[in-house]
Amino acid sequence: MKQSNLTRKQLAQTINEQLGISQRSAAELVDEVFSSLKQALLQEEPVKLVQFGTFTVRQKSPRMGRNPRTGETMEIARRSMISFKASKGLREKINT
């Protein structure tokens, strides 16, 4: 059975229920957390969340690729990507 995605609204509802703060304040809290994560990653700083994992920005080198429609070879430009490495505890819980 496929689970639905966890949304910002659901996170805010959980915070509202667990901490008893207003729905609006919980939504603002969730937005502020994601804004802080986004700003750190845009500055290419790693984000470590203890007992969850680490987000890092990696640079991928340019490489040769192929256009699947035409078969033409082309260079794929250098780009940045976000990488996530789960903490040891989270990996163990997922694999049990």
PDB file of N, CA and C in Angstrom:
ATOM      1  N   MET A   1       0.834  -1.174   0.000  1.00  0.00           N
ATOM      2  CA  MET A   1       0.000   0.000   0.000  1.00  0.00           C
ATOM      3  C   MET A   1       0.883   1.242   0.000  1.00  0.00           C
ATOM      4  N   LYS A   2       0.671   2.125  -0.967  1.00  0.00           N
ATOM      5  CA  LYS A   2       1.496   3.311  -1.110  1.00  0.00           C
ATOM      6  C   LYS A   2       1.050   4.397  -0.140  1.00  0.00           C
ATOM      7  N   GLN A   3       2.036   4.991   0.551  1.00  0.00           N
ATOM      8  CA  GLN A   3       1.775   6.087   1.474  1.00  0.00           C
ATOM      9  C   GLN A   3       1.770   7.394   0.695  1.00  0.00           C
ATOM     10  N   SER A   4       0.979   8.365   1.160  1.00  0.00           N
ATOM     11  CA  SER A   4       1.008   9.675   0.521  1.00  0.00           C
ATOM     12  C   SER A   4       2.220  10.449   1.027  1.00  0.00           C
ATOM     13  N   ASN A   5       2.559  11.496   0.326  1.00  0.00           N
ATOM     14  CA  ASN A   5       3.684  12.342   0.724  1.00  0.00           C
ATOM     15  C   ASN A   5       3.346  13.111   1.988  1.00  0.00           C
ATOM     16  N   LEU A   6       4.351  13.354   2.805  1.00  0.00           N
ATOM     17  CA  LEU A   6       4.206  14.200   3.981  1.00  0.00           C
ATOM     18  C   LEU A   6       4.323  15.640   3.516  1.00  0.00           C
ATOM     19  N   THR A   7       3.326  16.455   3.797  1.00  0.00           N
ATOM     20  CA  THR A   7       3.303  17.832   3.318  1.00  0.00           C
ATOM     21  C   THR A   7       3.602  18.822   4.434  1.00  0.00           C
ATOM     22  N   ARG A   8       3.848  20.071   4.051  1.00  0.00           N
ATOM     23  CA  ARG A   8       4.068  21.132   5.039  1.00  0.00           C
ATOM     24  C   ARG A   8       2.842  21.290   5.932  1.00  0.00           C
ATOM     25  N   LYS A   9       1.672  21.185   5.335  1.00  0.00           N
ATOM     26  CA  LYS A   9       0.429  21.322   6.103  1.00  0.00           C
ATOM     27  C   LYS A   9       0.332  20.225   7.159  1.00  0.00           C
ATOM     28  N   GLN A  10       0.687  19.007   6.797  1.00  0.00           N
ATOM     29  CA  GLN A  10       0.653  17.906   7.758  1.00  0.00           C
ATOM     30  C   GLN A  10       1.682  18.102   8.864  1.00  0.00           C
ATOM     31  N   LEU A  11       2.856  18.618   8.518  1.00  0.00           N
ATOM     32  CA  LEU A  11       3.857  18.917   9.539  1.00  0.00           C
ATOM     33  C   LEU A  11       3.329  19.968  10.511  1.00  0.00           C
ATOM     34  N   ALA A  12       2.699  21.010   9.974  1.00  0.00           N
ATOM     35  CA  ALA A  12       2.140  22.066  10.820  1.00  0.00           C
ATOM     36  C   ALA A  12       1.031  21.513  11.716  1.00  0.00           C
ATOM     37  N   GLN A  13       0.206  20.626  11.187  1.00  0.00           N
ATOM     38  CA  GLN A  13      -0.860  20.029  11.993  1.00  0.00           C
ATOM     39  C   GLN A  13      -0.279  19.192  13.126  1.00  0.00           C
ATOM     40  N   THR A  14       0.787  18.452  12.851  1.00  0.00           N
ATOM     41  CA  THR A  14       1.432  17.636  13.881  1.00  0.00           C
ATOM     42  C   THR A  14       2.014  18.525  14.973  1.00  0.00           C
ATOM     43  N   ILE A  15       2.682  19.605  14.582  1.00  0.00           N
ATOM     44  CA  ILE A  15       3.231  20.544  15.563  1.00  0.00           C
ATOM     45  C   ILE A  15       2.108  21.148  16.388  1.00  0.00           C
ATOM     46  N   ASN A  16       1.014  21.510  15.734  1.00  0.00           N
ATOM     47  CA  ASN A  16      -0.151  22.064  16.425  1.00  0.00           C
ATOM     48  C   ASN A  16      -0.691  21.088  17.461  1.00  0.00           C
ATOM     49  N   GLU A  17      -0.816  19.829  17.096  1.00  0.00           N
ATOM     50  CA  GLU A  17      -1.367  18.821  18.010  1.00  0.00           C
ATOM     51  C   GLU A  17      -0.395  18.481  19.144  1.00  0.00           C
ATOM     52  N   GLN A  18       0.902  18.355  18.823  1.00  0.00           N
ATOM     53  CA  GLN A  18       1.888  17.927  19.815  1.00  0.00           C
ATOM     54  C   GLN A  18       2.273  19.039  20.781  1.00  0.00           C
ATOM     55  N   LEU A  19       2.389  20.281  20.284  1.00  0.00           N
ATOM     56  CA  LEU A  19       2.866  21.379  21.114  1.00  0.00           C
ATOM     57  C   LEU A  19       1.765  22.327  21.562  1.00  0.00           C
ATOM     58  N   GLY A  20       0.597  22.207  20.957  1.00  0.00           N
ATOM     59  CA  GLY A  20      -0.530  23.033  21.355  1.00  0.00           C
ATOM     60  C   GLY A  20      -0.440  24.485  20.920  1.00  0.00           C
ATOM     61  N   ILE A  21       0.418  24.787  19.933  1.00  0.00           N
ATOM     62  CA  ILE A  21       0.452  26.156  19.428  1.00  0.00           C
ATOM     63  C   ILE A  21      -0.548  26.295  18.289  1.00  0.00           C
ATOM     64  N   SER A  22      -0.886  27.518  17.938  1.00  0.00           N
ATOM     65  CA  SER A  22      -1.909  27.738  16.918  1.00  0.00           C
ATOM     66  C   SER A  22      -1.472  27.173  15.569  1.00  0.00           C
ATOM     67  N   GLN A  23      -2.459  26.899  14.744  1.00  0.00           N
ATOM     68  CA  GLN A  23      -2.207  26.349  13.405  1.00  0.00           C
ATOM     69  C   GLN A  23      -1.362  27.333  12.588  1.00  0.00           C
ATOM     70  N   ARG A  24      -1.664  28.625  12.692  1.00  0.00           N
ATOM     71  CA  ARG A  24      -0.922  29.633  11.942  1.00  0.00           C
ATOM     72  C   ARG A  24       0.537  29.695  12.406  1.00  0.00           C
ATOM     73  N   SER A  25       0.751  29.688  13.717  1.00  0.00           N
ATOM     74  CA  SER A  25       2.117  29.726  14.254  1.00  0.00           C
ATOM     75  C   SER A  25       2.893  28.476  13.856  1.00  0.00           C
ATOM     76  N   ALA A  26       2.232  27.333  13.867  1.00  0.00           N
ATOM     77  CA  ALA A  26       2.884  26.081  13.475  1.00  0.00           C
ATOM     78  C   ALA A  26       3.287  26.138  12.000  1.00  0.00           C
ATOM     79  N   ALA A  27       2.408  26.681  11.154  1.00  0.00           N
ATOM     80  CA  ALA A  27       2.724  26.798   9.727  1.00  0.00           C
ATOM     81  C   ALA A  27       3.898  27.754   9.518  1.00  0.00           C
ATOM     82  N   GLU A  28       3.928  28.860  10.268  1.00  0.00           N
ATOM     83  CA  GLU A  28       5.036  29.800  10.164  1.00  0.00           C
ATOM     84  C   GLU A  28       6.340  29.164  10.626  1.00  0.00           C
ATOM     85  N   LEU A  29       6.267  28.353  11.666  1.00  0.00           N
ATOM     86  CA  LEU A  29       7.442  27.650  12.178  1.00  0.00           C
ATOM     87  C   LEU A  29       7.998  26.700  11.125  1.00  0.00           C
ATOM     88  N   VAL A  30       7.137  25.916  10.500  1.00  0.00           N
ATOM     89  CA  VAL A  30       7.561  24.981   9.456  1.00  0.00           C
ATOM     90  C   VAL A  30       8.192  25.751   8.297  1.00  0.00           C
ATOM     91  N   ASP A  31       7.550  26.852   7.872  1.00  0.00           N
ATOM     92  CA  ASP A  31       8.095  27.646   6.769  1.00  0.00           C
ATOM     93  C   ASP A  31       9.458  28.224   7.119  1.00  0.00           C
ATOM     94  N   GLU A  32       9.635  28.681   8.343  1.00  0.00           N
ATOM     95  CA  GLU A  32      10.911  29.259   8.770  1.00  0.00           C
ATOM     96  C   GLU A  32      12.017  28.204   8.797  1.00  0.00           C
ATOM     97  N   VAL A  33      11.693  27.010   9.253  1.00  0.00           N
ATOM     98  CA  VAL A  33      12.681  25.924   9.265  1.00  0.00           C
ATOM     99  C   VAL A  33      13.136  25.610   7.839  1.00  0.00           C
ATOM    100  N   PHE A  34      12.188  25.472   6.920  1.00  0.00           N
ATOM    101  CA  PHE A  34      12.557  25.154   5.543  1.00  0.00           C
ATOM    102  C   PHE A  34      13.295  26.310   4.886  1.00  0.00           C
ATOM    103  N   SER A  35      12.940  27.529   5.231  1.00  0.00           N
ATOM    104  CA  SER A  35      13.649  28.696   4.699  1.00  0.00           C
ATOM    105  C   SER A  35      15.104  28.697   5.161  1.00  0.00           C
ATOM    106  N   SER A  36      15.330  28.379   6.422  1.00  0.00           N
ATOM    107  CA  SER A  36      16.698  28.320   6.952  1.00  0.00           C
ATOM    108  C   SER A  36      17.503  27.211   6.273  1.00  0.00           C
ATOM    109  N   LEU A  37      16.888  26.053   6.077  1.00  0.00           N
ATOM    110  CA  LEU A  37      17.565  24.947   5.379  1.00  0.00           C
ATOM    111  C   LEU A  37      17.929  25.366   3.956  1.00  0.00           C
ATOM    112  N   LYS A  38      16.983  25.998   3.285  1.00  0.00           N
ATOM    113  CA  LYS A  38      17.191  26.426   1.902  1.00  0.00           C
ATOM    114  C   LYS A  38      18.332  27.438   1.812  1.00  0.00           C
ATOM    115  N   GLN A  39      18.358  28.430   2.712  1.00  0.00           N
ATOM    116  CA  GLN A  39      19.410  29.445   2.687  1.00  0.00           C
ATOM    117  C   GLN A  39      20.793  28.816   2.913  1.00  0.00           C
ATOM    118  N   ALA A  40      20.881  27.891   3.849  1.00  0.00           N
ATOM    119  CA  ALA A  40      22.161  27.223   4.109  1.00  0.00           C
ATOM    120  C   ALA A  40      22.624  26.449   2.877  1.00  0.00           C
ATOM    121  N   LEU A  41      21.720  25.743   2.228  1.00  0.00           N
ATOM    122  CA  LEU A  41      22.094  24.961   1.043  1.00  0.00           C
ATOM    123  C   LEU A  41      22.449  25.874  -0.134  1.00  0.00           C
ATOM    124  N   LEU A  42      21.763  27.016  -0.268  1.00  0.00           N
ATOM    125  CA  LEU A  42      22.100  27.957  -1.333  1.00  0.00           C
ATOM    126  C   LEU A  42      23.499  28.531  -1.142  1.00  0.00           C
ATOM    127  N   GLN A  43      23.969  28.601   0.098  1.00  0.00           N
ATOM    128  CA  GLN A  43      25.316  29.057   0.394  1.00  0.00           C
ATOM    129  C   GLN A  43      26.307  27.888   0.408  1.00  0.00           C
ATOM    130  N   GLU A  44      25.827  26.723  -0.017  1.00  0.00           N
ATOM    131  CA  GLU A  44      26.599  25.487  -0.121  1.00  0.00           C
ATOM    132  C   GLU A  44      27.178  25.043   1.225  1.00  0.00           C
ATOM    133  N   GLU A  45      26.454  25.326   2.291  1.00  0.00           N
ATOM    134  CA  GLU A  45      26.827  24.859   3.622  1.00  0.00           C
ATOM    135  C   GLU A  45      26.118  23.535   3.885  1.00  0.00           C
ATOM    136  N   PRO A  46      26.800  22.554   4.487  1.00  0.00           N
ATOM    137  CA  PRO A  46      26.104  21.305   4.825  1.00  0.00           C
ATOM    138  C   PRO A  46      25.120  21.556   5.966  1.00  0.00           C
ATOM    139  N   VAL A  47      24.016  20.827   5.957  1.00  0.00           N
ATOM    140  CA  VAL A  47      22.997  20.926   7.006  1.00  0.00           C
ATOM    141  C   VAL A  47      22.921  19.566   7.683  1.00  0.00           C
ATOM    142  N   LYS A  48      23.300  19.532   8.960  1.00  0.00           N
ATOM    143  CA  LYS A  48      23.294  18.277   9.714  1.00  0.00           C
ATOM    144  C   LYS A  48      22.165  18.319  10.732  1.00  0.00           C
ATOM    145  N   LEU A  49      21.264  17.357  10.630  1.00  0.00           N
ATOM    146  CA  LEU A  49      20.161  17.207  11.570  1.00  0.00           C
ATOM    147  C   LEU A  49      20.441  15.928  12.364  1.00  0.00           C
ATOM    148  N   VAL A  50      20.829  16.098  13.615  1.00  0.00           N
ATOM    149  CA  VAL A  50      21.227  14.975  14.457  1.00  0.00           C
ATOM    150  C   VAL A  50      20.086  13.956  14.529  1.00  0.00           C
ATOM    151  N   GLN A  51      20.421  12.692  14.433  1.00  0.00           N
ATOM    152  CA  GLN A  51      19.515  11.548  14.444  1.00  0.00           C
ATOM    153  C   GLN A  51      18.591  11.506  13.228  1.00  0.00           C
ATOM    154  N   PHE A  52      18.902  12.324  12.197  1.00  0.00           N
ATOM    155  CA  PHE A  52      18.125  12.283  10.958  1.00  0.00           C
ATOM    156  C   PHE A  52      19.049  12.093   9.770  1.00  0.00           C
ATOM    157  N   GLY A  53      19.969  13.052   9.550  1.00  0.00           N
ATOM    158  CA  GLY A  53      20.895  12.922   8.439  1.00  0.00           C
ATOM    159  C   GLY A  53      21.527  14.243   8.078  1.00  0.00           C
ATOM    160  N   THR A  54      22.295  14.229   6.983  1.00  0.00           N
ATOM    161  CA  THR A  54      23.029  15.411   6.539  1.00  0.00           C
ATOM    162  C   THR A  54      22.723  15.699   5.075  1.00  0.00           C
ATOM    163  N   PHE A  55      22.406  16.965   4.790  1.00  0.00           N
ATOM    164  CA  PHE A  55      22.220  17.443   3.429  1.00  0.00           C
ATOM    165  C   PHE A  55      23.495  18.173   3.023  1.00  0.00           C
ATOM    166  N   THR A  56      24.020  17.874   1.856  1.00  0.00           N
ATOM    167  CA  THR A  56      25.199  18.573   1.352  1.00  0.00           C
ATOM    168  C   THR A  56      24.971  18.940  -0.108  1.00  0.00           C
ATOM    169  N   VAL A  57      25.678  19.987  -0.566  1.00  0.00           N
ATOM    170  CA  VAL A  57      25.638  20.381  -1.970  1.00  0.00           C
ATOM    171  C   VAL A  57      26.893  19.835  -2.625  1.00  0.00           C
ATOM    172  N   ARG A  58      26.717  19.067  -3.685  1.00  0.00           N
ATOM    173  CA  ARG A  58      27.844  18.478  -4.409  1.00  0.00           C
ATOM    174  C   ARG A  58      27.910  19.084  -5.805  1.00  0.00           C
ATOM    175  N   GLN A  59      29.128  19.185  -6.319  1.00  0.00           N
ATOM    176  CA  GLN A  59      29.333  19.681  -7.679  1.00  0.00           C
ATOM    177  C   GLN A  59      29.543  18.477  -8.602  1.00  0.00           C
ATOM    178  N   LYS A  60      28.749  18.398  -9.652  1.00  0.00           N
ATOM    179  CA  LYS A  60      28.925  17.329 -10.635  1.00  0.00           C
ATOM    180  C   LYS A  60      29.701  17.900 -11.811  1.00  0.00           C
ATOM    181  N   SER A  61      30.716  17.186 -12.219  1.00  0.00           N
ATOM    182  CA  SER A  61      31.564  17.615 -13.339  1.00  0.00           C
ATOM    183  C   SER A  61      30.806  17.519 -14.654  1.00  0.00           C
ATOM    184  N   PRO A  62      31.228  18.309 -15.645  1.00  0.00           N
ATOM    185  CA  PRO A  62      30.603  18.155 -16.970  1.00  0.00           C
ATOM    186  C   PRO A  62      30.940  16.771 -17.532  1.00  0.00           C
ATOM    187  N   ARG A  63      30.031  16.250 -18.332  1.00  0.00           N
ATOM    188  CA  ARG A  63      30.257  14.924 -18.909  1.00  0.00           C
ATOM    189  C   ARG A  63      29.548  14.825 -20.251  1.00  0.00           C
ATOM    190  N   MET A  64      29.925  13.828 -20.996  1.00  0.00           N
ATOM    191  CA  MET A  64      29.284  13.612 -22.292  1.00  0.00           C
ATOM    192  C   MET A  64      28.027  12.770 -22.092  1.00  0.00           C
ATOM    193  N   GLY A  65      26.966  13.163 -22.753  1.00  0.00           N
ATOM    194  CA  GLY A  65      25.703  12.443 -22.688  1.00  0.00           C
ATOM    195  C   GLY A  65      25.138  12.273 -24.086  1.00  0.00           C
ATOM    196  N   ARG A  66      23.947  11.719 -24.145  1.00  0.00           N
ATOM    197  CA  ARG A  66      23.328  11.455 -25.444  1.00  0.00           C
ATOM    198  C   ARG A  66      21.874  11.893 -25.392  1.00  0.00           C
ATOM    199  N   ASN A  67      21.438  12.598 -26.411  1.00  0.00           N
ATOM    200  CA  ASN A  67      20.039  12.975 -26.539  1.00  0.00           C
ATOM    201  C   ASN A  67      19.256  11.721 -26.931  1.00  0.00           C
ATOM    202  N   PRO A  68      18.350  11.236 -26.084  1.00  0.00           N
ATOM    203  CA  PRO A  68      17.660   9.979 -26.399  1.00  0.00           C
ATOM    204  C   PRO A  68      16.757  10.072 -27.630  1.00  0.00           C
ATOM    205  N   ARG A  69      16.297  11.254 -27.958  1.00  0.00           N
ATOM    206  CA  ARG A  69      15.413  11.404 -29.110  1.00  0.00           C
ATOM    207  C   ARG A  69      16.175  11.331 -30.427  1.00  0.00           C
ATOM    208  N   THR A  70      17.315  12.047 -30.493  1.00  0.00           N
ATOM    209  CA  THR A  70      18.056  12.121 -31.756  1.00  0.00           C
ATOM    210  C   THR A  70      19.281  11.225 -31.791  1.00  0.00           C
ATOM    211  N   GLY A  71      19.758  10.788 -30.629  1.00  0.00           N
ATOM    212  CA  GLY A  71      20.959   9.979 -30.577  1.00  0.00           C
ATOM    213  C   GLY A  71      22.229  10.816 -30.632  1.00  0.00           C
ATOM    214  N   GLU A  72      22.081  12.123 -30.745  1.00  0.00           N
ATOM    215  CA  GLU A  72      23.222  13.027 -30.840  1.00  0.00           C
ATOM    216  C   GLU A  72      23.946  13.122 -29.496  1.00  0.00           C
ATOM    217  N   THR A  73      25.291  13.088 -29.540  1.00  0.00           N
ATOM    218  CA  THR A  73      26.059  13.249 -28.307  1.00  0.00           C
ATOM    219  C   THR A  73      26.187  14.732 -27.994  1.00  0.00           C
ATOM    220  N   MET A  74      26.188  15.036 -26.703  1.00  0.00           N
ATOM    221  CA  MET A  74      26.286  16.425 -26.278  1.00  0.00           C
ATOM    222  C   MET A  74      26.930  16.481 -24.904  1.00  0.00           C
ATOM    223  N   GLU A  75      27.452  17.643 -24.549  1.00  0.00           N
ATOM    224  CA  GLU A  75      28.068  17.800 -23.237  1.00  0.00           C
ATOM    225  C   GLU A  75      27.012  18.258 -22.241  1.00  0.00           C
ATOM    226  N   ILE A  76      26.946  17.555 -21.116  1.00  0.00           N
ATOM    227  CA  ILE A  76      26.057  17.948 -20.024  1.00  0.00           C
ATOM    228  C   ILE A  76      26.880  18.856 -19.129  1.00  0.00           C
ATOM    229  N   ALA A  77      26.384  20.058 -18.894  1.00  0.00           N
ATOM    230  CA  ALA A  77      27.135  21.088 -18.176  1.00  0.00           C
ATOM    231  C   ALA A  77      27.362  20.719 -16.709  1.00  0.00           C
ATOM    232  N   ARG A  78      28.354  21.367 -16.126  1.00  0.00           N
ATOM    233  CA  ARG A  78      28.637  21.219 -14.692  1.00  0.00           C
ATOM    234  C   ARG A  78      27.426  21.750 -13.928  1.00  0.00           C
ATOM    235  N   ARG A  79      27.092  21.074 -12.844  1.00  0.00           N
ATOM    236  CA  ARG A  79      25.924  21.506 -12.077  1.00  0.00           C
ATOM    237  C   ARG A  79      26.071  21.113 -10.620  1.00  0.00           C
ATOM    238  N   SER A  80      25.255  21.737  -9.796  1.00  0.00           N
ATOM    239  CA  SER A  80      25.210  21.431  -8.367  1.00  0.00           C
ATOM    240  C   SER A  80      24.020  20.542  -8.097  1.00  0.00           C
ATOM    241  N   MET A  81      24.165  19.681  -7.097  1.00  0.00           N
ATOM    242  CA  MET A  81      23.037  18.840  -6.704  1.00  0.00           C
ATOM    243  C   MET A  81      23.062  18.668  -5.193  1.00  0.00           C
ATOM    244  N   ILE A  82      21.899  18.420  -4.630  1.00  0.00           N
ATOM    245  CA  ILE A  82      21.792  18.208  -3.192  1.00  0.00           C
ATOM    246  C   ILE A  82      21.844  16.712  -2.929  1.00  0.00           C
ATOM    247  N   SER A  83      22.668  16.353  -1.962  1.00  0.00           N
ATOM    248  CA  SER A  83      22.828  14.962  -1.581  1.00  0.00           C
ATOM    249  C   SER A  83      22.378  14.808  -0.130  1.00  0.00           C
ATOM    250  N   PHE A  84      21.723  13.695   0.181  1.00  0.00           N
ATOM    251  CA  PHE A  84      21.288  13.423   1.548  1.00  0.00           C
ATOM    252  C   PHE A  84      21.881  12.105   1.994  1.00  0.00           C
ATOM    253  N   LYS A  85      22.475  12.113   3.171  1.00  0.00           N
ATOM    254  CA  LYS A  85      22.989  10.878   3.768  1.00  0.00           C
ATOM    255  C   LYS A  85      22.280  10.689   5.102  1.00  0.00           C
ATOM    256  N   ALA A  86      21.518   9.626   5.213  1.00  0.00           N
ATOM    257  CA  ALA A  86      20.773   9.342   6.435  1.00  0.00           C
ATOM    258  C   ALA A  86      21.728   8.989   7.567  1.00  0.00           C
ATOM    259  N   SER A  87      21.334   9.334   8.797  1.00  0.00           N
ATOM    260  CA  SER A  87      22.150   8.984   9.958  1.00  0.00           C
ATOM    261  C   SER A  87      22.123   7.474  10.161  1.00  0.00           C
ATOM    262  N   LYS A  88      23.089   6.997  10.900  1.00  0.00           N
ATOM    263  CA  LYS A  88      23.185   5.561  11.166  1.00  0.00           C
ATOM    264  C   LYS A  88      21.912   5.062  11.866  1.00  0.00           C
ATOM    265  N   GLY A  89      21.438   5.817  12.851  1.00  0.00           N
ATOM    266  CA  GLY A  89      20.231   5.417  13.574  1.00  0.00           C
ATOM    267  C   GLY A  89      19.012   5.334  12.684  1.00  0.00           C
ATOM    268  N   LEU A  90      18.851   6.299  11.776  1.00  0.00           N
ATOM    269  CA  LEU A  90      17.710   6.297  10.855  1.00  0.00           C
ATOM    270  C   LEU A  90      17.809   5.121   9.891  1.00  0.00           C
ATOM    271  N   ARG A  91      19.016   4.871   9.362  1.00  0.00           N
ATOM    272  CA  ARG A  91      19.202   3.720   8.458  1.00  0.00           C
ATOM    273  C   ARG A  91      18.847   2.418   9.154  1.00  0.00           C
ATOM    274  N   GLU A  92      19.268   2.274  10.413  1.00  0.00           N
ATOM    275  CA  GLU A  92      18.977   1.044  11.150  1.00  0.00           C
ATOM    276  C   GLU A  92      17.472   0.880  11.372  1.00  0.00           C
ATOM    277  N   LYS A  93      16.775   1.975  11.695  1.00  0.00           N
ATOM    278  CA  LYS A  93      15.322   1.886  11.910  1.00  0.00           C
ATOM    279  C   LYS A  93      14.585   1.549  10.622  1.00  0.00           C
ATOM    280  N   ILE A  94      15.045   2.095   9.503  1.00  0.00           N
ATOM    281  CA  ILE A  94      14.402   1.803   8.220  1.00  0.00           C
ATOM    282  C   ILE A  94      14.614   0.357   7.819  1.00  0.00           C
ATOM    283  N   ASN A  95      15.778  -0.183   8.127  1.00  0.00           N
ATOM    284  CA  ASN A  95      16.122  -1.547   7.709  1.00  0.00           C
ATOM    285  C   ASN A  95      15.697  -2.636   8.685  1.00  0.00           C
ATOM    286  N   THR A  96      14.932  -2.305   9.711  1.00  0.00           N
ATOM    287  CA  THR A  96      14.469  -3.349  10.632  1.00  0.00           C
ATOM    288  C   THR A  96      13.045  -3.720  10.339  1.00  0.00           C
TER     289      THR A  96
END
